[in-house]
């Protein structure tokens, strides 16, 4: 019984969740494609992150984006991001923040949970 209780505690303490905000800004590219700036804010810490898509747009296929912390800190992480046909933004955190997939729908900025 002792083993079962300890195992259960270990499982429940490892559950993580992400709650934050997602927004974008498009920087026109002149003669070439623009840059899509992707901003993520972590509500639990107040930390902010920026990723850039140098093709200027997201598609229905996951695209690998590198995010860097823009607040006080030096955390960086990679994520796969895409937009579904109904306009919902999706992000696979690939283990960053201890979470997996999250999404938000509607206008930007939007609340993001994973």
PDB file of N, CA and C in Angstrom:
ATOM      1  N   UNK A   1       0.820  -1.199   0.000  1.00  0.00           N
ATOM      2  CA  UNK A   1       0.000   0.000   0.000  1.00  0.00           C
ATOM      3  C   UNK A   1       0.857   1.253   0.000  1.00  0.00           C
ATOM      4  N   UNK A   2       1.946   1.209   0.748  1.00  0.00           N
ATOM      5  CA  UNK A   2       2.838   2.360   0.818  1.00  0.00           C
ATOM      6  C   UNK A   2       3.347   2.733  -0.578  1.00  0.00           C
ATOM      7  N   UNK A   3       3.703   1.731  -1.371  1.00  0.00           N
ATOM      8  CA  UNK A   3       4.188   1.978  -2.721  1.00  0.00           C
ATOM      9  C   UNK A   3       3.118   2.645  -3.585  1.00  0.00           C
ATOM     10  N   UNK A   4       1.875   2.197  -3.484  1.00  0.00           N
ATOM     11  CA  UNK A   4       0.788   2.757  -4.285  1.00  0.00           C
ATOM     12  C   UNK A   4       0.543   4.223  -3.967  1.00  0.00           C
ATOM     13  N   UNK A   5       0.559   4.583  -2.706  1.00  0.00           N
ATOM     14  CA  UNK A   5       0.335   5.974  -2.307  1.00  0.00           C
ATOM     15  C   UNK A   5       1.459   6.859  -2.817  1.00  0.00           C
ATOM     16  N   UNK A   6       2.700   6.406  -2.683  1.00  0.00           N
ATOM     17  CA  UNK A   6       3.835   7.188  -3.170  1.00  0.00           C
ATOM     18  C   UNK A   6       3.796   7.336  -4.685  1.00  0.00           C
ATOM     19  N   UNK A   7       3.413   6.289  -5.385  1.00  0.00           N
ATOM     20  CA  UNK A   7       3.308   6.356  -6.840  1.00  0.00           C
ATOM     21  C   UNK A   7       2.235   7.343  -7.262  1.00  0.00           C
ATOM     22  N   UNK A   8       1.104   7.326  -6.581  1.00  0.00           N
ATOM     23  CA  UNK A   8       0.022   8.247  -6.886  1.00  0.00           C
ATOM     24  C   UNK A   8       0.446   9.689  -6.649  1.00  0.00           C
ATOM     25  N   UNK A   9       1.145   9.946  -5.551  1.00  0.00           N
ATOM     26  CA  UNK A   9       1.636  11.294  -5.273  1.00  0.00           C
ATOM     27  C   UNK A   9       2.608  11.759  -6.340  1.00  0.00           C
ATOM     28  N   UNK A  10       3.467  10.893  -6.799  1.00  0.00           N
ATOM     29  CA  UNK A  10       4.430  11.255  -7.837  1.00  0.00           C
ATOM     30  C   UNK A  10       3.720  11.596  -9.141  1.00  0.00           C
ATOM     31  N   UNK A  11       2.694  10.832  -9.478  1.00  0.00           N
ATOM     32  CA  UNK A  11       1.950  11.105 -10.703  1.00  0.00           C
ATOM     33  C   UNK A  11       1.196  12.422 -10.634  1.00  0.00           C
ATOM     34  N   UNK A  12       0.524  12.689  -9.540  1.00  0.00           N
ATOM     35  CA  UNK A  12      -0.278  13.903  -9.449  1.00  0.00           C
ATOM     36  C   UNK A  12       0.583  15.143  -9.333  1.00  0.00           C
ATOM     37  N   UNK A  13       1.763  15.046  -8.748  1.00  0.00           N
ATOM     38  CA  UNK A  13       2.602  16.231  -8.617  1.00  0.00           C
ATOM     39  C   UNK A  13       3.293  16.587  -9.922  1.00  0.00           C
ATOM     40  N   UNK A  14       3.342  15.673 -10.902  1.00  0.00           N
ATOM     41  CA  UNK A  14       4.021  15.964 -12.152  1.00  0.00           C
ATOM     42  C   UNK A  14       3.091  16.579 -13.197  1.00  0.00           C
ATOM     43  N   UNK A  15       1.816  16.707 -12.898  1.00  0.00           N
ATOM     44  CA  UNK A  15       0.873  17.292 -13.838  1.00  0.00           C
ATOM     45  C   UNK A  15       1.113  18.795 -13.912  1.00  0.00           C
ATOM     46  N   UNK A  16       1.275  19.311 -15.117  1.00  0.00           N
ATOM     47  CA  UNK A  16       1.528  20.736 -15.305  1.00  0.00           C
ATOM     48  C   UNK A  16       0.475  21.303 -16.242  1.00  0.00           C
ATOM     49  N   UNK A  17       0.304  22.588 -16.191  1.00  0.00           N
ATOM     50  CA  UNK A  17      -0.625  23.259 -17.089  1.00  0.00           C
ATOM     51  C   UNK A  17      -0.042  24.609 -17.461  1.00  0.00           C
ATOM     52  N   UNK A  18      -0.400  25.080 -18.640  1.00  0.00           N
ATOM     53  CA  UNK A  18       0.030  26.395 -19.088  1.00  0.00           C
ATOM     54  C   UNK A  18      -1.206  27.244 -19.308  1.00  0.00           C
ATOM     55  N   UNK A  19      -1.174  28.455 -18.820  1.00  0.00           N
ATOM     56  CA  UNK A  19      -2.247  29.414 -19.045  1.00  0.00           C
ATOM     57  C   UNK A  19      -1.590  30.729 -19.433  1.00  0.00           C
ATOM     58  N   UNK A  20      -1.976  31.242 -20.582  1.00  0.00           N
ATOM     59  CA  UNK A  20      -1.346  32.471 -21.039  1.00  0.00           C
ATOM     60  C   UNK A  20      -2.110  33.119 -22.171  1.00  0.00           C
ATOM     61  N   UNK A  21      -1.414  34.008 -22.866  1.00  0.00           N
ATOM     62  CA  UNK A  21      -2.021  34.773 -23.952  1.00  0.00           C
ATOM     63  C   UNK A  21      -1.154  34.649 -25.198  1.00  0.00           C
ATOM     64  N   UNK A  22      -1.813  34.631 -26.344  1.00  0.00           N
ATOM     65  CA  UNK A  22      -1.153  34.553 -27.633  1.00  0.00           C
ATOM     66  C   UNK A  22      -1.558  35.764 -28.460  1.00  0.00           C
ATOM     67  N   UNK A  23      -0.599  36.359 -29.139  1.00  0.00           N
ATOM     68  CA  UNK A  23      -0.910  37.437 -30.075  1.00  0.00           C
ATOM     69  C   UNK A  23       0.126  37.426 -31.195  1.00  0.00           C
ATOM     70  N   UNK A  24      -0.187  38.115 -32.282  1.00  0.00           N
ATOM     71  CA  UNK A  24       0.733  38.186 -33.416  1.00  0.00           C
ATOM     72  C   UNK A  24       0.825  39.612 -33.927  1.00  0.00           C
ATOM     73  N   UNK A  25       1.872  39.874 -34.668  1.00  0.00           N
ATOM     74  CA  UNK A  25       2.056  41.141 -35.367  1.00  0.00           C
ATOM     75  C   UNK A  25       2.785  40.841 -36.657  1.00  0.00           C
ATOM     76  N   UNK A  26       2.272  41.362 -37.770  1.00  0.00           N
ATOM     77  CA  UNK A  26       2.879  41.119 -39.074  1.00  0.00           C
ATOM     78  C   UNK A  26       3.716  42.319 -39.483  1.00  0.00           C
ATOM     79  N   UNK A  27       4.969  42.058 -39.815  1.00  0.00           N
ATOM     80  CA  UNK A  27       5.885  43.089 -40.297  1.00  0.00           C
ATOM     81  C   UNK A  27       6.048  42.893 -41.796  1.00  0.00           C
ATOM     82  N   UNK A  28       5.543  43.857 -42.580  1.00  0.00           N
ATOM     83  CA  UNK A  28       5.610  43.756 -44.034  1.00  0.00           C
ATOM     84  C   UNK A  28       7.033  43.580 -44.529  1.00  0.00           C
ATOM     85  N   UNK A  29       7.184  42.808 -45.609  1.00  0.00           N
ATOM     86  CA  UNK A  29       8.508  42.464 -46.082  1.00  0.00           C
ATOM     87  C   UNK A  29       9.002  43.249 -47.273  1.00  0.00           C
ATOM     88  N   UNK A  30       8.239  44.218 -47.752  1.00  0.00           N
ATOM     89  CA  UNK A  30       8.697  44.949 -48.933  1.00  0.00           C
ATOM     90  C   UNK A  30       8.724  44.038 -50.144  1.00  0.00           C
ATOM     91  N   UNK A  31       9.900  43.678 -50.608  1.00  0.00           N
ATOM     92  CA  UNK A  31      10.031  42.855 -51.807  1.00  0.00           C
ATOM     93  C   UNK A  31       9.915  41.360 -51.534  1.00  0.00           C
ATOM     94  N   UNK A  32      10.129  40.944 -50.314  1.00  0.00           N
ATOM     95  CA  UNK A  32      10.047  39.523 -49.975  1.00  0.00           C
ATOM     96  C   UNK A  32       8.918  39.285 -48.998  1.00  0.00           C
ATOM     97  N   UNK A  33       8.853  38.061 -48.489  1.00  0.00           N
ATOM     98  CA  UNK A  33       7.810  37.781 -47.492  1.00  0.00           C
ATOM     99  C   UNK A  33       8.060  38.565 -46.210  1.00  0.00           C
ATOM    100  N   UNK A  34       7.008  38.876 -45.525  1.00  0.00           N
ATOM    101  CA  UNK A  34       7.134  39.581 -44.255  1.00  0.00           C
ATOM    102  C   UNK A  34       7.487  38.625 -43.132  1.00  0.00           C
ATOM    103  N   UNK A  35       7.517  39.166 -41.935  1.00  0.00           N
ATOM    104  CA  UNK A  35       7.821  38.375 -40.744  1.00  0.00           C
ATOM    105  C   UNK A  35       6.590  38.377 -39.849  1.00  0.00           C
ATOM    106  N   UNK A  36       6.145  37.208 -39.447  1.00  0.00           N
ATOM    107  CA  UNK A  36       5.052  37.092 -38.493  1.00  0.00           C
ATOM    108  C   UNK A  36       5.664  36.941 -37.106  1.00  0.00           C
ATOM    109  N   UNK A  37       5.472  37.949 -36.259  1.00  0.00           N
ATOM    110  CA  UNK A  37       5.951  37.908 -34.880  1.00  0.00           C
ATOM    111  C   UNK A  37       4.867  37.238 -34.037  1.00  0.00           C
ATOM    112  N   UNK A  38       5.241  36.259 -33.248  1.00  0.00           N
ATOM    113  CA  UNK A  38       4.308  35.513 -32.409  1.00  0.00           C
ATOM    114  C   UNK A  38       4.695  35.760 -30.959  1.00  0.00           C
ATOM    115  N   UNK A  39       3.757  36.271 -30.177  1.00  0.00           N
ATOM    116  CA  UNK A  39       4.024  36.606 -28.780  1.00  0.00           C
ATOM    117  C   UNK A  39       3.228  35.688 -27.859  1.00  0.00           C
ATOM    118  N   UNK A  40       3.896  35.170 -26.840  1.00  0.00           N
ATOM    119  CA  UNK A  40       3.259  34.323 -25.835  1.00  0.00           C
ATOM    120  C   UNK A  40       3.571  34.906 -24.463  1.00  0.00           C
ATOM    121  N   UNK A  41       2.531  35.095 -23.655  1.00  0.00           N
ATOM    122  CA  UNK A  41       2.685  35.556 -22.275  1.00  0.00           C
ATOM    123  C   UNK A  41       2.249  34.439 -21.344  1.00  0.00           C
ATOM    124  N   UNK A  42       3.074  34.138 -20.355  1.00  0.00           N
ATOM    125  CA  UNK A  42       2.773  33.122 -19.346  1.00  0.00           C
ATOM    126  C   UNK A  42       2.102  33.832 -18.170  1.00  0.00           C
ATOM    127  N   UNK A  43       0.801  33.561 -17.951  1.00  0.00           N
ATOM    128  CA  UNK A  43       0.068  34.228 -16.869  1.00  0.00           C
ATOM    129  C   UNK A  43       0.615  33.885 -15.486  1.00  0.00           C
ATOM    130  N   UNK A  44       1.131  32.670 -15.305  1.00  0.00           N
ATOM    131  CA  UNK A  44       1.566  32.270 -13.965  1.00  0.00           C
ATOM    132  C   UNK A  44       2.858  32.958 -13.539  1.00  0.00           C
ATOM    133  N   UNK A  45       3.722  33.312 -14.483  1.00  0.00           N
ATOM    134  CA  UNK A  45       4.997  33.952 -14.130  1.00  0.00           C
ATOM    135  C   UNK A  45       5.108  35.388 -14.614  1.00  0.00           C
ATOM    136  N   UNK A  46       4.263  35.772 -15.575  1.00  0.00           N
ATOM    137  CA  UNK A  46       4.370  37.092 -16.182  1.00  0.00           C
ATOM    138  C   UNK A  46       5.431  37.159 -17.267  1.00  0.00           C
ATOM    139  N   UNK A  47       6.101  36.050 -17.531  1.00  0.00           N
ATOM    140  CA  UNK A  47       7.154  36.027 -18.547  1.00  0.00           C
ATOM    141  C   UNK A  47       6.561  36.168 -19.942  1.00  0.00           C
ATOM    142  N   UNK A  48       7.322  36.809 -20.831  1.00  0.00           N
ATOM    143  CA  UNK A  48       6.896  37.000 -22.213  1.00  0.00           C
ATOM    144  C   UNK A  48       7.934  36.393 -23.152  1.00  0.00           C
ATOM    145  N   UNK A  49       7.445  35.903 -24.286  1.00  0.00           N
ATOM    146  CA  UNK A  49       8.291  35.218 -25.260  1.00  0.00           C
ATOM    147  C   UNK A  49       7.908  35.670 -26.664  1.00  0.00           C
ATOM    148  N   UNK A  50       8.889  35.644 -27.559  1.00  0.00           N
ATOM    149  CA  UNK A  50       8.627  35.973 -28.955  1.00  0.00           C
ATOM    150  C   UNK A  50       9.228  34.909 -29.853  1.00  0.00           C
ATOM    151  N   UNK A  51       8.438  34.520 -30.861  1.00  0.00           N
ATOM    152  CA  UNK A  51       8.913  33.645 -31.924  1.00  0.00           C
ATOM    153  C   UNK A  51       8.663  34.349 -33.244  1.00  0.00           C
ATOM    154  N   UNK A  52       9.411  33.989 -34.265  1.00  0.00           N
ATOM    155  CA  UNK A  52       9.252  34.639 -35.568  1.00  0.00           C
ATOM    156  C   UNK A  52       9.136  33.602 -36.673  1.00  0.00           C
ATOM    157  N   UNK A  53       8.147  33.831 -37.530  1.00  0.00           N
ATOM    158  CA  UNK A  53       7.977  33.017 -38.729  1.00  0.00           C
ATOM    159  C   UNK A  53       8.421  33.880 -39.903  1.00  0.00           C
ATOM    160  N   UNK A  54       9.559  33.552 -40.483  1.00  0.00           N
ATOM    161  CA  UNK A  54      10.139  34.376 -41.541  1.00  0.00           C
ATOM    162  C   UNK A  54       9.493  34.152 -42.899  1.00  0.00           C
ATOM    163  N   UNK A  55       8.536  33.221 -42.989  1.00  0.00           N
ATOM    164  CA  UNK A  55       7.749  33.071 -44.210  1.00  0.00           C
ATOM    165  C   UNK A  55       6.545  33.997 -44.191  1.00  0.00           C
ATOM    166  N   UNK A  56       6.229  34.552 -43.038  1.00  0.00           N
ATOM    167  CA  UNK A  56       5.165  35.542 -42.928  1.00  0.00           C
ATOM    168  C   UNK A  56       3.779  35.017 -42.654  1.00  0.00           C
ATOM    169  N   UNK A  57       3.591  33.706 -42.642  1.00  0.00           N
ATOM    170  CA  UNK A  57       2.248  33.188 -42.373  1.00  0.00           C
ATOM    171  C   UNK A  57       2.343  31.753 -41.875  1.00  0.00           C
ATOM    172  N   UNK A  58       1.333  31.356 -41.143  1.00  0.00           N
ATOM    173  CA  UNK A  58       1.246  29.982 -40.662  1.00  0.00           C
ATOM    174  C   UNK A  58       0.283  29.216 -41.551  1.00  0.00           C
ATOM    175  N   UNK A  59       0.482  27.925 -41.664  1.00  0.00           N
ATOM    176  CA  UNK A  59      -0.387  27.096 -42.483  1.00  0.00           C
ATOM    177  C   UNK A  59      -1.033  26.026 -41.611  1.00  0.00           C
ATOM    178  N   UNK A  60      -1.709  25.094 -42.265  1.00  0.00           N
ATOM    179  CA  UNK A  60      -2.337  24.002 -41.526  1.00  0.00           C
ATOM    180  C   UNK A  60      -1.323  22.924 -41.156  1.00  0.00           C
ATOM    181  N   UNK A  61      -0.124  23.023 -41.664  1.00  0.00           N
ATOM    182  CA  UNK A  61       0.958  22.107 -41.314  1.00  0.00           C
ATOM    183  C   UNK A  61       1.769  22.713 -40.182  1.00  0.00           C
ATOM    184  N   UNK A  62       2.155  21.923 -39.216  1.00  0.00           N
ATOM    185  CA  UNK A  62       2.958  22.418 -38.110  1.00  0.00           C
ATOM    186  C   UNK A  62       4.284  22.985 -38.593  1.00  0.00           C
ATOM    187  N   UNK A  63       4.636  24.154 -38.096  1.00  0.00           N
ATOM    188  CA  UNK A  63       5.897  24.794 -38.447  1.00  0.00           C
ATOM    189  C   UNK A  63       6.707  24.984 -37.175  1.00  0.00           C
ATOM    190  N   UNK A  64       7.974  24.593 -37.212  1.00  0.00           N
ATOM    191  CA  UNK A  64       8.864  24.715 -36.059  1.00  0.00           C
ATOM    192  C   UNK A  64       9.258  26.182 -35.878  1.00  0.00           C
ATOM    193  N   UNK A  65       8.954  26.716 -34.702  1.00  0.00           N
ATOM    194  CA  UNK A  65       9.280  28.105 -34.368  1.00  0.00           C
ATOM    195  C   UNK A  65      10.101  28.102 -33.083  1.00  0.00           C
ATOM    196  N   UNK A  66      11.166  28.881 -33.058  1.00  0.00           N
ATOM    197  CA  UNK A  66      11.981  29.053 -31.848  1.00  0.00           C
ATOM    198  C   UNK A  66      11.507  30.289 -31.106  1.00  0.00           C
ATOM    199  N   UNK A  67      11.257  30.151 -29.811  1.00  0.00           N
ATOM    200  CA  UNK A  67      10.820  31.256 -28.969  1.00  0.00           C
ATOM    201  C   UNK A  67      11.938  31.631 -28.009  1.00  0.00           C
ATOM    202  N   UNK A  68      12.092  32.929 -27.777  1.00  0.00           N
ATOM    203  CA  UNK A  68      13.068  33.426 -26.805  1.00  0.00           C
ATOM    204  C   UNK A  68      12.342  34.327 -25.818  1.00  0.00           C
ATOM    205  N   UNK A  69      12.814  34.317 -24.591  1.00  0.00           N
ATOM    206  CA  UNK A  69      12.201  35.140 -23.550  1.00  0.00           C
ATOM    207  C   UNK A  69      12.560  36.602 -23.777  1.00  0.00           C
ATOM    208  N   UNK A  70      11.551  37.469 -23.712  1.00  0.00           N
ATOM    209  CA  UNK A  70      11.774  38.908 -23.879  1.00  0.00           C
ATOM    210  C   UNK A  70      11.642  39.650 -22.556  1.00  0.00           C
ATOM    211  N   UNK A  71      11.264  38.941 -21.502  1.00  0.00           N
ATOM    212  CA  UNK A  71      11.221  39.527 -20.162  1.00  0.00           C
ATOM    213  C   UNK A  71      12.539  39.177 -19.470  1.00  0.00           C
ATOM    214  N   UNK A  72      12.644  39.474 -18.194  1.00  0.00           N
ATOM    215  CA  UNK A  72      13.878  39.176 -17.453  1.00  0.00           C
ATOM    216  C   UNK A  72      14.058  37.670 -17.326  1.00  0.00           C
ATOM    217  N   UNK A  73      14.950  37.129 -18.070  1.00  0.00           N
ATOM    218  CA  UNK A  73      15.220  35.699 -18.060  1.00  0.00           C
ATOM    219  C   UNK A  73      15.840  35.307 -19.382  1.00  0.00           C
ATOM    220  N   UNK A  74      16.257  34.074 -19.475  1.00  0.00           N
ATOM    221  CA  UNK A  74      16.903  33.635 -20.712  1.00  0.00           C
ATOM    222  C   UNK A  74      16.375  32.285 -21.188  1.00  0.00           C
ATOM    223  N   UNK A  75      15.103  32.001 -20.890  1.00  0.00           N
ATOM    224  CA  UNK A  75      14.512  30.729 -21.287  1.00  0.00           C
ATOM    225  C   UNK A  75      14.173  30.771 -22.771  1.00  0.00           C
ATOM    226  N   UNK A  76      14.532  29.738 -23.491  1.00  0.00           N
ATOM    227  CA  UNK A  76      14.140  29.618 -24.892  1.00  0.00           C
ATOM    228  C   UNK A  76      13.608  28.207 -25.117  1.00  0.00           C
ATOM    229  N   UNK A  77      12.736  28.068 -26.103  1.00  0.00           N
ATOM    230  CA  UNK A  77      12.092  26.794 -26.367  1.00  0.00           C
ATOM    231  C   UNK A  77      11.597  26.765 -27.799  1.00  0.00           C
ATOM    232  N   UNK A  78      11.333  25.574 -28.295  1.00  0.00           N
ATOM    233  CA  UNK A  78      10.802  25.379 -29.640  1.00  0.00           C
ATOM    234  C   UNK A  78       9.379  24.861 -29.548  1.00  0.00           C
ATOM    235  N   UNK A  79       8.594  25.210 -30.541  1.00  0.00           N
ATOM    236  CA  UNK A  79       7.217  24.733 -30.605  1.00  0.00           C
ATOM    237  C   UNK A  79       6.822  24.554 -32.060  1.00  0.00           C
ATOM    238  N   UNK A  80       5.874  23.676 -32.283  1.00  0.00           N
ATOM    239  CA  UNK A  80       5.268  23.527 -33.592  1.00  0.00           C
ATOM    240  C   UNK A  80       3.964  24.321 -33.563  1.00  0.00           C
ATOM    241  N   UNK A  81       3.780  25.224 -34.529  1.00  0.00           N
ATOM    242  CA  UNK A  81       2.582  26.065 -34.545  1.00  0.00           C
ATOM    243  C   UNK A  81       1.870  25.932 -35.891  1.00  0.00           C
ATOM    244  N   UNK A  82       0.549  26.030 -35.865  1.00  0.00           N
ATOM    245  CA  UNK A  82      -0.248  25.957 -37.078  1.00  0.00           C
ATOM    246  C   UNK A  82      -1.611  26.566 -36.839  1.00  0.00           C
ATOM    247  N   UNK A  83      -2.316  26.817 -37.949  1.00  0.00           N
ATOM    248  CA  UNK A  83      -3.672  27.362 -37.913  1.00  0.00           C
ATOM    249  C   UNK A  83      -4.593  26.358 -38.595  1.00  0.00           C
ATOM    250  N   UNK A  84      -5.727  26.054 -37.964  1.00  0.00           N
ATOM    251  CA  UNK A  84      -6.685  25.127 -38.559  1.00  0.00           C
ATOM    252  C   UNK A  84      -7.611  25.875 -39.509  1.00  0.00           C
ATOM    253  N   UNK A  85      -8.378  25.135 -40.289  1.00  0.00           N
ATOM    254  CA  UNK A  85      -9.254  25.739 -41.295  1.00  0.00           C
ATOM    255  C   UNK A  85     -10.322  26.640 -40.678  1.00  0.00           C
ATOM    256  N   UNK A  86     -10.645  26.436 -39.394  1.00  0.00           N
ATOM    257  CA  UNK A  86     -11.630  27.297 -38.735  1.00  0.00           C
ATOM    258  C   UNK A  86     -10.975  28.515 -38.073  1.00  0.00           C
ATOM    259  N   UNK A  87      -9.674  28.723 -38.323  1.00  0.00           N
ATOM    260  CA  UNK A  87      -8.983  29.909 -37.828  1.00  0.00           C
ATOM    261  C   UNK A  87      -8.406  29.797 -36.432  1.00  0.00           C
ATOM    262  N   UNK A  88      -8.426  28.609 -35.853  1.00  0.00           N
ATOM    263  CA  UNK A  88      -7.882  28.442 -34.505  1.00  0.00           C
ATOM    264  C   UNK A  88      -6.365  28.284 -34.558  1.00  0.00           C
ATOM    265  N   UNK A  89      -5.686  28.967 -33.657  1.00  0.00           N
ATOM    266  CA  UNK A  89      -4.239  28.873 -33.524  1.00  0.00           C
ATOM    267  C   UNK A  89      -3.919  27.681 -32.639  1.00  0.00           C
ATOM    268  N   UNK A  90      -2.981  26.859 -33.062  1.00  0.00           N
ATOM    269  CA  UNK A  90      -2.562  25.674 -32.313  1.00  0.00           C
ATOM    270  C   UNK A  90      -1.073  25.733 -32.049  1.00  0.00           C
ATOM    271  N   UNK A  91      -0.674  25.257 -30.889  1.00  0.00           N
ATOM    272  CA  UNK A  91       0.737  25.200 -30.548  1.00  0.00           C
ATOM    273  C   UNK A  91       1.017  23.902 -29.812  1.00  0.00           C
ATOM    274  N   UNK A  92       2.041  23.210 -30.259  1.00  0.00           N
ATOM    275  CA  UNK A  92       2.540  22.038 -29.552  1.00  0.00           C
ATOM    276  C   UNK A  92       3.818  22.489 -28.863  1.00  0.00           C
ATOM    277  N   UNK A  93       3.751  22.642 -27.553  1.00  0.00           N
ATOM    278  CA  UNK A  93       4.879  23.157 -26.783  1.00  0.00           C
ATOM    279  C   UNK A  93       6.075  22.204 -26.770  1.00  0.00           C
ATOM    280  N   UNK A  94       5.901  20.980 -27.236  1.00  0.00           N
ATOM    281  CA  UNK A  94       6.978  19.998 -27.321  1.00  0.00           C
ATOM    282  C   UNK A  94       7.725  19.852 -25.996  1.00  0.00           C
ATOM    283  N   UNK A  95       6.974  19.872 -24.911  1.00  0.00           N
ATOM    284  CA  UNK A  95       7.557  19.667 -23.584  1.00  0.00           C
ATOM    285  C   UNK A  95       7.941  20.930 -22.847  1.00  0.00           C
ATOM    286  N   UNK A  96       8.003  22.077 -23.533  1.00  0.00           N
ATOM    287  CA  UNK A  96       8.294  23.330 -22.830  1.00  0.00           C
ATOM    288  C   UNK A  96       7.198  23.571 -21.804  1.00  0.00           C
ATOM    289  N   UNK A  97       7.534  24.065 -20.655  1.00  0.00           N
ATOM    290  CA  UNK A  97       6.620  24.307 -19.543  1.00  0.00           C
ATOM    291  C   UNK A  97       5.992  23.018 -19.025  1.00  0.00           C
ATOM    292  N   UNK A  98       6.475  21.874 -19.469  1.00  0.00           N
ATOM    293  CA  UNK A  98       5.937  20.598 -19.027  1.00  0.00           C
ATOM    294  C   UNK A  98       4.572  20.287 -19.610  1.00  0.00           C
ATOM    295  N   UNK A  99       4.224  20.907 -20.735  1.00  0.00           N
ATOM    296  CA  UNK A  99       2.905  20.690 -21.337  1.00  0.00           C
ATOM    297  C   UNK A  99       3.045  20.295 -22.805  1.00  0.00           C
ATOM    298  N   UNK A 100       1.934  19.933 -23.409  1.00  0.00           N
ATOM    299  CA  UNK A 100       1.916  19.520 -24.810  1.00  0.00           C
ATOM    300  C   UNK A 100       1.187  20.512 -25.688  1.00  0.00           C
ATOM    301  N   UNK A 101       0.006  20.139 -26.164  1.00  0.00           N
ATOM    302  CA  UNK A 101      -0.754  20.908 -27.147  1.00  0.00           C
ATOM    303  C   UNK A 101      -1.724  21.883 -26.494  1.00  0.00           C
ATOM    304  N   UNK A 102      -1.820  23.064 -27.067  1.00  0.00           N
ATOM    305  CA  UNK A 102      -2.811  24.045 -26.647  1.00  0.00           C
ATOM    306  C   UNK A 102      -3.346  24.769 -27.867  1.00  0.00           C
ATOM    307  N   UNK A 103      -4.480  25.438 -27.720  1.00  0.00           N
ATOM    308  CA  UNK A 103      -5.038  26.187 -28.843  1.00  0.00           C
ATOM    309  C   UNK A 103      -5.923  27.307 -28.328  1.00  0.00           C
ATOM    310  N   UNK A 104      -6.191  28.263 -29.210  1.00  0.00           N
ATOM    311  CA  UNK A 104      -7.171  29.302 -28.921  1.00  0.00           C
ATOM    312  C   UNK A 104      -7.824  29.710 -30.235  1.00  0.00           C
ATOM    313  N   UNK A 105      -9.062  30.155 -30.146  1.00  0.00           N
ATOM    314  CA  UNK A 105      -9.834  30.531 -31.323  1.00  0.00           C
ATOM    315  C   UNK A 105     -10.386  31.941 -31.132  1.00  0.00           C
ATOM    316  N   UNK A 106     -10.638  32.608 -32.229  1.00  0.00           N
ATOM    317  CA  UNK A 106     -11.184  33.958 -32.155  1.00  0.00           C
ATOM    318  C   UNK A 106     -10.121  34.988 -32.465  1.00  0.00           C
ATOM    319  N   UNK A 107     -10.444  36.234 -32.177  1.00  0.00           N
ATOM    320  CA  UNK A 107      -9.519  37.328 -32.453  1.00  0.00           C
ATOM    321  C   UNK A 107      -8.330  37.337 -31.520  1.00  0.00           C
ATOM    322  N   UNK A 108      -7.353  38.124 -31.897  1.00  0.00           N
ATOM    323  CA  UNK A 108      -6.136  38.244 -31.089  1.00  0.00           C
ATOM    324  C   UNK A 108      -6.133  39.553 -30.335  1.00  0.00           C
ATOM    325  N   UNK A 109      -5.592  39.609 -29.142  1.00  0.00           N
ATOM    326  CA  UNK A 109      -4.983  38.488 -28.439  1.00  0.00           C
ATOM    327  C   UNK A 109      -6.043  37.508 -27.941  1.00  0.00           C
ATOM    328  N   UNK A 110      -5.628  36.278 -27.732  1.00  0.00           N
ATOM    329  CA  UNK A 110      -6.556  35.275 -27.211  1.00  0.00           C
ATOM    330  C   UNK A 110      -5.895  34.500 -26.079  1.00  0.00           C
ATOM    331  N   UNK A 111      -6.728  33.975 -25.197  1.00  0.00           N
ATOM    332  CA  UNK A 111      -6.236  33.182 -24.071  1.00  0.00           C
ATOM    333  C   UNK A 111      -5.879  31.787 -24.553  1.00  0.00           C
ATOM    334  N   UNK A 112      -4.765  31.292 -24.059  1.00  0.00           N
ATOM    335  CA  UNK A 112      -4.230  30.012 -24.491  1.00  0.00           C
ATOM    336  C   UNK A 112      -4.051  29.116 -23.278  1.00  0.00           C
ATOM    337  N   UNK A 113      -4.603  27.908 -23.354  1.00  0.00           N
ATOM    338  CA  UNK A 113      -4.446  26.939 -22.266  1.00  0.00           C
ATOM    339  C   UNK A 113      -3.910  25.638 -22.829  1.00  0.00           C
ATOM    340  N   UNK A 114      -3.038  25.006 -22.068  1.00  0.00           N
ATOM    341  CA  UNK A 114      -2.497  23.705 -22.490  1.00  0.00           C
ATOM    342  C   UNK A 114      -2.329  22.835 -21.257  1.00  0.00           C
TER     343      UNK A 114
END
